[in-house]
PDB file of all heavy atoms in Angstrom:
ATOM      1  N   LEU A   1     103.582  43.923  64.754  1.00  0.00           N
ATOM      2  CA  LEU A   1     102.185  44.314  64.921  1.00  0.00           C
ATOM      3  C   LEU A   1     101.748  45.319  63.866  1.00  0.00           C
ATOM      4  O   LEU A   1     100.664  45.230  63.305  1.00  0.00           O
ATOM      5  CB  LEU A   1     101.957  44.901  66.321  1.00  0.00           C
ATOM      6  CG  LEU A   1     101.815  43.931  67.490  1.00  0.00           C
ATOM      7  CD1 LEU A   1     101.739  44.699  68.797  1.00  0.00           C
ATOM      8  CD2 LEU A   1     100.575  43.057  67.326  1.00  0.00           C
ATOM      9  N   GLN A   2     102.591  46.298  63.605  1.00  0.00           N
ATOM     10  CA  GLN A   2     102.214  47.363  62.681  1.00  0.00           C
ATOM     11  C   GLN A   2     101.973  46.818  61.270  1.00  0.00           C
ATOM     12  O   GLN A   2     101.072  47.258  60.566  1.00  0.00           O
ATOM     13  CB  GLN A   2     103.286  48.448  62.635  1.00  0.00           C
ATOM     14  CG  GLN A   2     102.878  49.677  61.827  1.00  0.00           C
ATOM     15  CD  GLN A   2     103.891  50.790  61.949  1.00  0.00           C
ATOM     16  OE1 GLN A   2     104.959  50.613  62.526  1.00  0.00           O
ATOM     17  NE2 GLN A   2     103.569  51.948  61.405  1.00  0.00           N
ATOM     18  N   GLY A   3     102.761  45.862  60.877  1.00  0.00           N
ATOM     19  CA  GLY A   3     102.605  45.272  59.544  1.00  0.00           C
ATOM     20  C   GLY A   3     101.768  44.016  59.528  1.00  0.00           C
ATOM     21  O   GLY A   3     101.672  43.342  58.497  1.00  0.00           O
ATOM     22  N   PHE A   4     101.157  43.664  60.666  1.00  0.00           N
ATOM     23  CA  PHE A   4     100.302  42.482  60.791  1.00  0.00           C
ATOM     24  C   PHE A   4     101.038  41.212  60.367  1.00  0.00           C
ATOM     25  O   PHE A   4     100.442  40.246  59.899  1.00  0.00           O
ATOM     26  CB  PHE A   4      99.026  42.661  59.961  1.00  0.00           C
ATOM     27  CG  PHE A   4      97.912  41.718  60.338  1.00  0.00           C
ATOM     28  CD1 PHE A   4      97.347  41.740  61.605  1.00  0.00           C
ATOM     29  CD2 PHE A   4      97.417  40.808  59.419  1.00  0.00           C
ATOM     30  CE1 PHE A   4      96.324  40.869  61.957  1.00  0.00           C
ATOM     31  CE2 PHE A   4      96.394  39.928  59.757  1.00  0.00           C
ATOM     32  CZ  PHE A   4      95.845  39.974  61.028  1.00  0.00           C
ATOM     33  N   GLY A   5     102.363  41.206  60.541  1.00  0.00           N
ATOM     34  CA  GLY A   5     103.144  40.019  60.231  1.00  0.00           C
ATOM     35  C   GLY A   5     103.230  39.678  58.766  1.00  0.00           C
ATOM     36  O   GLY A   5     103.676  38.594  58.400  1.00  0.00           O
ATOM     37  N   ARG A   6     102.819  40.607  57.897  1.00  0.00           N
ATOM     38  CA  ARG A   6     102.822  40.328  56.463  1.00  0.00           C
ATOM     39  C   ARG A   6     104.022  40.928  55.743  1.00  0.00           C
ATOM     40  O   ARG A   6     104.137  40.819  54.528  1.00  0.00           O
ATOM     41  CB  ARG A   6     101.518  40.833  55.837  1.00  0.00           C
ATOM     42  CG  ARG A   6     100.321  39.964  56.221  1.00  0.00           C
ATOM     43  CD  ARG A   6      99.027  40.469  55.654  1.00  0.00           C
ATOM     44  NE  ARG A   6      97.937  39.523  55.951  1.00  0.00           N
ATOM     45  CZ  ARG A   6      96.654  39.828  55.890  1.00  0.00           C
ATOM     46  NH1 ARG A   6      96.272  41.062  55.551  1.00  0.00           N
ATOM     47  NH2 ARG A   6      95.732  38.921  56.168  1.00  0.00           N
ATOM     48  N   ARG A   7     104.930  41.568  56.488  1.00  0.00           N
ATOM     49  CA  ARG A   7     106.147  42.118  55.893  1.00  0.00           C
ATOM     50  C   ARG A   7     107.311  41.185  56.202  1.00  0.00           C
ATOM     51  O   ARG A   7     107.501  40.761  57.344  1.00  0.00           O
ATOM     52  CB  ARG A   7     106.425  43.516  56.453  1.00  0.00           C
ATOM     53  CG  ARG A   7     105.284  44.486  56.206  1.00  0.00           C
ATOM     54  CD  ARG A   7     105.612  45.878  56.682  1.00  0.00           C
ATOM     55  NE  ARG A   7     105.764  45.967  58.132  1.00  0.00           N
ATOM     56  CZ  ARG A   7     105.855  47.114  58.800  1.00  0.00           C
ATOM     57  NH1 ARG A   7     105.829  48.260  58.142  1.00  0.00           N
ATOM     58  NH2 ARG A   7     105.985  47.120  60.114  1.00  0.00           N
ATOM     59  N   ARG A   8     108.076  40.878  55.194  1.00  0.00           N
ATOM     60  CA  ARG A   8     109.211  39.969  55.379  1.00  0.00           C
ATOM     61  C   ARG A   8     110.293  40.639  56.222  1.00  0.00           C
ATOM     62  O   ARG A   8     110.517  41.836  56.126  1.00  0.00           O
ATOM     63  CB  ARG A   8     109.777  39.536  54.036  1.00  0.00           C
ATOM     64  CG  ARG A   8     108.790  38.671  53.243  1.00  0.00           C
ATOM     65  CD  ARG A   8     109.447  37.978  52.083  1.00  0.00           C
ATOM     66  NE  ARG A   8     108.493  37.088  51.432  1.00  0.00           N
ATOM     67  CZ  ARG A   8     108.803  35.906  50.916  1.00  0.00           C
ATOM     68  NH1 ARG A   8     110.043  35.449  50.980  1.00  0.00           N
ATOM     69  NH2 ARG A   8     107.887  35.151  50.338  1.00  0.00           N
ATOM     70  N   MET A   9     110.948  39.806  57.038  1.00  0.00           N
ATOM     71  CA  MET A   9     112.054  40.256  57.868  1.00  0.00           C
ATOM     72  C   MET A   9     113.235  39.316  57.663  1.00  0.00           C
ATOM     73  O   MET A   9     113.051  38.118  57.408  1.00  0.00           O
ATOM     74  CB  MET A   9     111.659  40.262  59.361  1.00  0.00           C
ATOM     75  CG  MET A   9     110.512  41.190  59.702  1.00  0.00           C
ATOM     76  SD  MET A   9     109.971  41.000  61.438  1.00  0.00           S
ATOM     77  CE  MET A   9     111.438  41.497  62.312  1.00  0.00           C
ATOM     78  N   GLU A  10     114.429  39.858  57.783  1.00  0.00           N
ATOM     79  CA  GLU A  10     115.630  39.030  57.720  1.00  0.00           C
ATOM     80  C   GLU A  10     115.843  38.389  59.094  1.00  0.00           C
ATOM     81  O   GLU A  10     116.181  39.069  60.061  1.00  0.00           O
ATOM     82  CB  GLU A  10     116.846  39.879  57.341  1.00  0.00           C
ATOM     83  CG  GLU A  10     116.817  40.402  55.915  1.00  0.00           C
ATOM     84  CD  GLU A  10     116.963  39.309  54.887  1.00  0.00           C
ATOM     85  OE1 GLU A  10     117.593  38.268  55.195  1.00  0.00           O
ATOM     86  OE2 GLU A  10     116.443  39.474  53.765  1.00  0.00           O
ATOM     87  N   ILE A  11     115.597  37.100  59.179  1.00  0.00           N
ATOM     88  CA  ILE A  11     115.783  36.386  60.443  1.00  0.00           C
ATOM     89  C   ILE A  11     116.635  35.148  60.189  1.00  0.00           C
ATOM     90  O   ILE A  11     116.634  34.580  59.095  1.00  0.00           O
ATOM     91  CB  ILE A  11     114.443  35.978  61.094  1.00  0.00           C
ATOM     92  CG1 ILE A  11     113.638  35.059  60.152  1.00  0.00           C
ATOM     93  CG2 ILE A  11     113.625  37.192  61.473  1.00  0.00           C
ATOM     94  CD1 ILE A  11     112.411  34.446  60.800  1.00  0.00           C
ATOM     95  N   THR A  12     117.356  34.730  61.223  1.00  0.00           N
ATOM     96  CA  THR A  12     118.156  33.515  61.128  1.00  0.00           C
ATOM     97  C   THR A  12     117.283  32.305  61.452  1.00  0.00           C
ATOM     98  O   THR A  12     116.222  32.440  62.094  1.00  0.00           O
ATOM     99  CB  THR A  12     119.333  33.551  62.107  1.00  0.00           C
ATOM    100  OG1 THR A  12     118.808  33.516  63.454  1.00  0.00           O
ATOM    101  CG2 THR A  12     120.180  34.817  61.915  1.00  0.00           C
ATOM    102  N   PRO A  13     117.695  31.114  61.065  1.00  0.00           N
ATOM    103  CA  PRO A  13     116.956  29.913  61.454  1.00  0.00           C
ATOM    104  C   PRO A  13     116.807  29.792  62.969  1.00  0.00           C
ATOM    105  O   PRO A  13     115.754  29.362  63.456  1.00  0.00           O
ATOM    106  CB  PRO A  13     117.794  28.775  60.870  1.00  0.00           C
ATOM    107  CG  PRO A  13     118.467  29.388  59.679  1.00  0.00           C
ATOM    108  CD  PRO A  13     118.779  30.793  60.098  1.00  0.00           C
ATOM    109  N   GLN A  14     117.846  30.183  63.721  1.00  0.00           N
ATOM    110  CA  GLN A  14     117.754  30.118  65.180  1.00  0.00           C
ATOM    111  C   GLN A  14     116.697  31.072  65.705  1.00  0.00           C
ATOM    112  O   GLN A  14     115.942  30.744  66.631  1.00  0.00           O
ATOM    113  CB  GLN A  14     119.103  30.446  65.819  1.00  0.00           C
ATOM    114  CG  GLN A  14     119.130  30.268  67.340  1.00  0.00           C
ATOM    115  CD  GLN A  14     118.900  28.832  67.772  1.00  0.00           C
ATOM    116  OE1 GLN A  14     119.684  27.946  67.430  1.00  0.00           O
ATOM    117  NE2 GLN A  14     117.833  28.575  68.513  1.00  0.00           N
ATOM    118  N   GLU A  15     116.621  32.271  65.122  1.00  0.00           N
ATOM    119  CA  GLU A  15     115.588  33.225  65.540  1.00  0.00           C
ATOM    120  C   GLU A  15     114.200  32.697  65.218  1.00  0.00           C
ATOM    121  O   GLU A  15     113.267  32.839  66.021  1.00  0.00           O
ATOM    122  CB  GLU A  15     115.825  34.573  64.854  1.00  0.00           C
ATOM    123  CG  GLU A  15     117.019  35.329  65.394  1.00  0.00           C
ATOM    124  CD  GLU A  15     117.360  36.550  64.563  1.00  0.00           C
ATOM    125  OE1 GLU A  15     117.168  36.530  63.319  1.00  0.00           O
ATOM    126  OE2 GLU A  15     117.829  37.544  65.157  1.00  0.00           O
ATOM    127  N   ALA A  16     114.054  32.063  64.053  1.00  0.00           N
ATOM    128  CA  ALA A  16     112.765  31.469  63.697  1.00  0.00           C
ATOM    129  C   ALA A  16     112.389  30.369  64.691  1.00  0.00           C
ATOM    130  O   ALA A  16     111.248  30.304  65.159  1.00  0.00           O
ATOM    131  CB  ALA A  16     112.830  30.895  62.277  1.00  0.00           C
ATOM    132  N   TYR A  17     113.349  29.521  65.012  1.00  0.00           N
ATOM    133  CA  TYR A  17     113.120  28.446  65.983  1.00  0.00           C
ATOM    134  C   TYR A  17     112.659  29.025  67.323  1.00  0.00           C
ATOM    135  O   TYR A  17     111.653  28.592  67.894  1.00  0.00           O
ATOM    136  CB  TYR A  17     114.408  27.649  66.166  1.00  0.00           C
ATOM    137  CG  TYR A  17     114.337  26.558  67.213  1.00  0.00           C
ATOM    138  CD1 TYR A  17     114.027  25.248  66.853  1.00  0.00           C
ATOM    139  CD2 TYR A  17     114.588  26.829  68.559  1.00  0.00           C
ATOM    140  CE1 TYR A  17     113.957  24.242  67.807  1.00  0.00           C
ATOM    141  CE2 TYR A  17     114.522  25.832  69.518  1.00  0.00           C
ATOM    142  CZ  TYR A  17     114.199  24.539  69.144  1.00  0.00           C
ATOM    143  OH  TYR A  17     114.131  23.557  70.096  1.00  0.00           O
ATOM    144  N   ASP A  18     113.379  30.018  67.807  1.00  0.00           N
ATOM    145  CA  ASP A  18     113.086  30.574  69.124  1.00  0.00           C
ATOM    146  C   ASP A  18     111.707  31.235  69.175  1.00  0.00           C
ATOM    147  O   ASP A  18     110.954  31.043  70.136  1.00  0.00           O
ATOM    148  CB  ASP A  18     114.158  31.592  69.521  1.00  0.00           C
ATOM    149  CG  ASP A  18     115.520  30.955  69.765  1.00  0.00           C
ATOM    150  OD1 ASP A  18     115.575  29.717  69.946  1.00  0.00           O
ATOM    151  OD2 ASP A  18     116.527  31.684  69.763  1.00  0.00           O
ATOM    152  N   MET A  19     111.369  32.001  68.143  1.00  0.00           N
ATOM    153  CA  MET A  19     110.086  32.705  68.191  1.00  0.00           C
ATOM    154  C   MET A  19     108.912  31.746  68.038  1.00  0.00           C
ATOM    155  O   MET A  19     107.840  31.970  68.620  1.00  0.00           O
ATOM    156  CB  MET A  19     110.036  33.837  67.164  1.00  0.00           C
ATOM    157  CG  MET A  19     110.051  33.452  65.719  1.00  0.00           C
ATOM    158  SD  MET A  19     109.893  34.911  64.614  1.00  0.00           S
ATOM    159  CE  MET A  19     111.413  35.800  64.971  1.00  0.00           C
ATOM    160  N   VAL A  20     109.111  30.645  67.316  1.00  0.00           N
ATOM    161  CA  VAL A  20     108.031  29.665  67.184  1.00  0.00           C
ATOM    162  C   VAL A  20     107.843  28.895  68.495  1.00  0.00           C
ATOM    163  O   VAL A  20     106.713  28.702  68.956  1.00  0.00           O
ATOM    164  CB  VAL A  20     108.305  28.713  66.001  1.00  0.00           C
ATOM    165  CG1 VAL A  20     107.333  27.533  66.008  1.00  0.00           C
ATOM    166  CG2 VAL A  20     108.181  29.470  64.678  1.00  0.00           C
ATOM    167  N   VAL A  21     108.939  28.472  69.119  1.00  0.00           N
ATOM    168  CA  VAL A  21     108.843  27.801  70.419  1.00  0.00           C
ATOM    169  C   VAL A  21     108.150  28.698  71.439  1.00  0.00           C
ATOM    170  O   VAL A  21     107.257  28.269  72.183  1.00  0.00           O
ATOM    171  CB  VAL A  21     110.238  27.388  70.931  1.00  0.00           C
ATOM    172  CG1 VAL A  21     110.174  26.949  72.390  1.00  0.00           C
ATOM    173  CG2 VAL A  21     110.811  26.258  70.080  1.00  0.00           C
ATOM    174  N   TYR A  22     108.548  29.946  71.483  1.00  0.00           N
ATOM    175  CA  TYR A  22     107.992  30.919  72.436  1.00  0.00           C
ATOM    176  C   TYR A  22     106.483  31.068  72.257  1.00  0.00           C
ATOM    177  O   TYR A  22     105.714  31.041  73.236  1.00  0.00           O
ATOM    178  CB  TYR A  22     108.689  32.260  72.218  1.00  0.00           C
ATOM    179  CG  TYR A  22     108.269  33.373  73.141  1.00  0.00           C
ATOM    180  CD1 TYR A  22     108.926  33.592  74.345  1.00  0.00           C
ATOM    181  CD2 TYR A  22     107.239  34.237  72.794  1.00  0.00           C
ATOM    182  CE1 TYR A  22     108.557  34.634  75.193  1.00  0.00           C
ATOM    183  CE2 TYR A  22     106.853  35.269  73.627  1.00  0.00           C
ATOM    184  CZ  TYR A  22     107.521  35.471  74.825  1.00  0.00           C
ATOM    185  OH  TYR A  22     107.142  36.502  75.648  1.00  0.00           O
ATOM    186  N   GLN A  23     106.051  31.215  71.022  1.00  0.00           N
ATOM    187  CA  GLN A  23     104.634  31.461  70.774  1.00  0.00           C
ATOM    188  C   GLN A  23     103.779  30.213  70.970  1.00  0.00           C
ATOM    189  O   GLN A  23     102.659  30.288  71.481  1.00  0.00           O
ATOM    190  CB  GLN A  23     104.452  32.027  69.358  1.00  0.00           C
ATOM    191  CG  GLN A  23     105.034  33.433  69.221  1.00  0.00           C
ATOM    192  CD  GLN A  23     104.948  33.966  67.810  1.00  0.00           C
ATOM    193  OE1 GLN A  23     103.908  34.448  67.367  1.00  0.00           O
ATOM    194  NE2 GLN A  23     106.055  33.879  67.076  1.00  0.00           N
ATOM    195  N   ILE A  24     104.308  29.047  70.595  1.00  0.00           N
ATOM    196  CA  ILE A  24     103.579  27.809  70.871  1.00  0.00           C
ATOM    197  C   ILE A  24     103.377  27.649  72.379  1.00  0.00           C
ATOM    198  O   ILE A  24     102.288  27.316  72.850  1.00  0.00           O
ATOM    199  CB  ILE A  24     104.337  26.584  70.322  1.00  0.00           C
ATOM    200  CG1 ILE A  24     104.385  26.597  68.808  1.00  0.00           C
ATOM    201  CG2 ILE A  24     103.675  25.284  70.812  1.00  0.00           C
ATOM    202  CD1 ILE A  24     105.254  25.493  68.219  1.00  0.00           C
ATOM    203  N   GLY A  25     104.441  27.891  73.119  1.00  0.00           N
ATOM    204  CA  GLY A  25     104.363  27.736  74.568  1.00  0.00           C
ATOM    205  C   GLY A  25     103.344  28.659  75.197  1.00  0.00           C
ATOM    206  O   GLY A  25     102.612  28.265  76.120  1.00  0.00           O
ATOM    207  N   ALA A  26     103.263  29.892  74.708  1.00  0.00           N
ATOM    208  CA  ALA A  26     102.311  30.856  75.269  1.00  0.00           C
ATOM    209  C   ALA A  26     100.875  30.394  75.051  1.00  0.00           C
ATOM    210  O   ALA A  26     100.047  30.416  75.975  1.00  0.00           O
ATOM    211  CB  ALA A  26     102.536  32.231  74.632  1.00  0.00           C
ATOM    212  N   LEU A  27     100.564  29.962  73.828  1.00  0.00           N
ATOM    213  CA  LEU A  27      99.188  29.548  73.562  1.00  0.00           C
ATOM    214  C   LEU A  27      98.873  28.228  74.263  1.00  0.00           C
ATOM    215  O   LEU A  27      97.769  28.037  74.785  1.00  0.00           O
ATOM    216  CB  LEU A  27      98.934  29.417  72.069  1.00  0.00           C
ATOM    217  CG  LEU A  27      97.448  29.201  71.751  1.00  0.00           C
ATOM    218  CD1 LEU A  27      96.670  30.501  71.893  1.00  0.00           C
ATOM    219  CD2 LEU A  27      97.244  28.615  70.370  1.00  0.00           C
ATOM    220  N   ASP A  28      99.836  27.319  74.286  1.00  0.00           N
ATOM    221  CA  ASP A  28      99.609  26.019  74.901  1.00  0.00           C
ATOM    222  C   ASP A  28      99.249  26.154  76.375  1.00  0.00           C
ATOM    223  O   ASP A  28      98.446  25.380  76.903  1.00  0.00           O
ATOM    224  CB  ASP A  28     100.845  25.134  74.737  1.00  0.00           C
ATOM    225  CG  ASP A  28     100.573  23.681  75.075  1.00  0.00           C
ATOM    226  OD1 ASP A  28      99.513  23.171  74.672  1.00  0.00           O
ATOM    227  OD2 ASP A  28     101.411  23.061  75.743  1.00  0.00           O
ATOM    228  N   ALA A  29      99.815  27.161  77.030  1.00  0.00           N
ATOM    229  CA  ALA A  29      99.486  27.381  78.449  1.00  0.00           C
ATOM    230  C   ALA A  29      98.005  27.700  78.618  1.00  0.00           C
ATOM    231  O   ALA A  29      97.351  27.207  79.556  1.00  0.00           O
ATOM    232  CB  ALA A  29     100.350  28.500  79.019  1.00  0.00           C
ATOM    233  N   PHE A  30      97.463  28.509  77.731  1.00  0.00           N
ATOM    234  CA  PHE A  30      96.032  28.823  77.811  1.00  0.00           C
ATOM    235  C   PHE A  30      95.185  27.594  77.487  1.00  0.00           C
ATOM    236  O   PHE A  30      94.169  27.347  78.135  1.00  0.00           O
ATOM    237  CB  PHE A  30      95.684  29.963  76.849  1.00  0.00           C
ATOM    238  CG  PHE A  30      96.096  31.321  77.338  1.00  0.00           C
ATOM    239  CD1 PHE A  30      97.105  32.024  76.702  1.00  0.00           C
ATOM    240  CD2 PHE A  30      95.489  31.901  78.440  1.00  0.00           C
ATOM    241  CE1 PHE A  30      97.496  33.269  77.152  1.00  0.00           C
ATOM    242  CE2 PHE A  30      95.872  33.152  78.903  1.00  0.00           C
ATOM    243  CZ  PHE A  30      96.884  33.841  78.254  1.00  0.00           C
ATOM    244  N   VAL A  31      95.598  26.828  76.487  1.00  0.00           N
ATOM    245  CA  VAL A  31      94.843  25.623  76.126  1.00  0.00           C
ATOM    246  C   VAL A  31      94.807  24.648  77.304  1.00  0.00           C
ATOM    247  O   VAL A  31      93.748  24.112  77.661  1.00  0.00           O
ATOM    248  CB  VAL A  31      95.460  24.942  74.882  1.00  0.00           C
ATOM    249  CG1 VAL A  31      94.711  23.648  74.559  1.00  0.00           C
ATOM    250  CG2 VAL A  31      95.429  25.885  73.672  1.00  0.00           C
ATOM    251  N   ARG A  32      95.936  24.432  77.926  1.00  0.00           N
ATOM    252  CA  ARG A  32      96.002  23.515  79.068  1.00  0.00           C
ATOM    253  C   ARG A  32      95.191  24.035  80.253  1.00  0.00           C
ATOM    254  O   ARG A  32      94.603  23.248  81.015  1.00  0.00           O
ATOM    255  CB  ARG A  32      97.458  23.295  79.479  1.00  0.00           C
ATOM    256  CG  ARG A  32      98.262  22.461  78.485  1.00  0.00           C
ATOM    257  CD  ARG A  32      99.736  22.400  78.882  1.00  0.00           C
ATOM    258  NE  ARG A  32     100.516  21.605  77.933  1.00  0.00           N
ATOM    259  CZ  ARG A  32     100.728  20.312  78.036  1.00  0.00           C
ATOM    260  NH1 ARG A  32     100.206  19.639  79.064  1.00  0.00           N
ATOM    261  NH2 ARG A  32     101.445  19.674  77.139  1.00  0.00           N
ATOM    262  N   SER A  33      95.156  25.339  80.424  1.00  0.00           N
ATOM    263  CA  SER A  33      94.422  25.912  81.565  1.00  0.00           C
ATOM    264  C   SER A  33      92.925  25.654  81.469  1.00  0.00           C
ATOM    265  O   SER A  33      92.207  25.710  82.473  1.00  0.00           O
ATOM    266  CB  SER A  33      94.686  27.419  81.670  1.00  0.00           C
ATOM    267  OG  SER A  33      93.993  28.150  80.676  1.00  0.00           O
ATOM    268  N   TYR A  34      92.444  25.374  80.254  1.00  0.00           N
ATOM    269  CA  TYR A  34      91.037  25.041  80.062  1.00  0.00           C
ATOM    270  C   TYR A  34      90.825  23.535  79.858  1.00  0.00           C
ATOM    271  O   TYR A  34      89.748  23.112  79.443  1.00  0.00           O
ATOM    272  CB  TYR A  34      90.462  25.820  78.874  1.00  0.00           C
ATOM    273  CG  TYR A  34      90.130  27.251  79.227  1.00  0.00           C
ATOM    274  CD1 TYR A  34      90.981  28.286  78.870  1.00  0.00           C
ATOM    275  CD2 TYR A  34      88.976  27.575  79.951  1.00  0.00           C
ATOM    276  CE1 TYR A  34      90.692  29.608  79.201  1.00  0.00           C
ATOM    277  CE2 TYR A  34      88.680  28.877  80.290  1.00  0.00           C
ATOM    278  CZ  TYR A  34      89.541  29.888  79.916  1.00  0.00           C
ATOM    279  OH  TYR A  34      89.252  31.190  80.249  1.00  0.00           O
ATOM    280  N   GLY A  35      91.859  22.768  80.122  1.00  0.00           N
ATOM    281  CA  GLY A  35      91.733  21.326  80.027  1.00  0.00           C
ATOM    282  C   GLY A  35      91.758  20.800  78.606  1.00  0.00           C
ATOM    283  O   GLY A  35      91.393  19.644  78.364  1.00  0.00           O
ATOM    284  N   GLY A  36      92.213  21.637  77.667  1.00  0.00           N
ATOM    285  CA  GLY A  36      92.261  21.225  76.275  1.00  0.00           C
ATOM    286  C   GLY A  36      93.620  20.695  75.868  1.00  0.00           C
ATOM    287  O   GLY A  36      94.550  20.626  76.678  1.00  0.00           O
TER     288      GLY A  36
END
């Protein structure tokens, strides 16, 4: 949050996979709740 996601971080491919799945799922729940 502090760097607005514009600072590079050392992450593993598994960490990238997990954080993308997590965030897609969070937004998708809101989209589905509105019938989208």
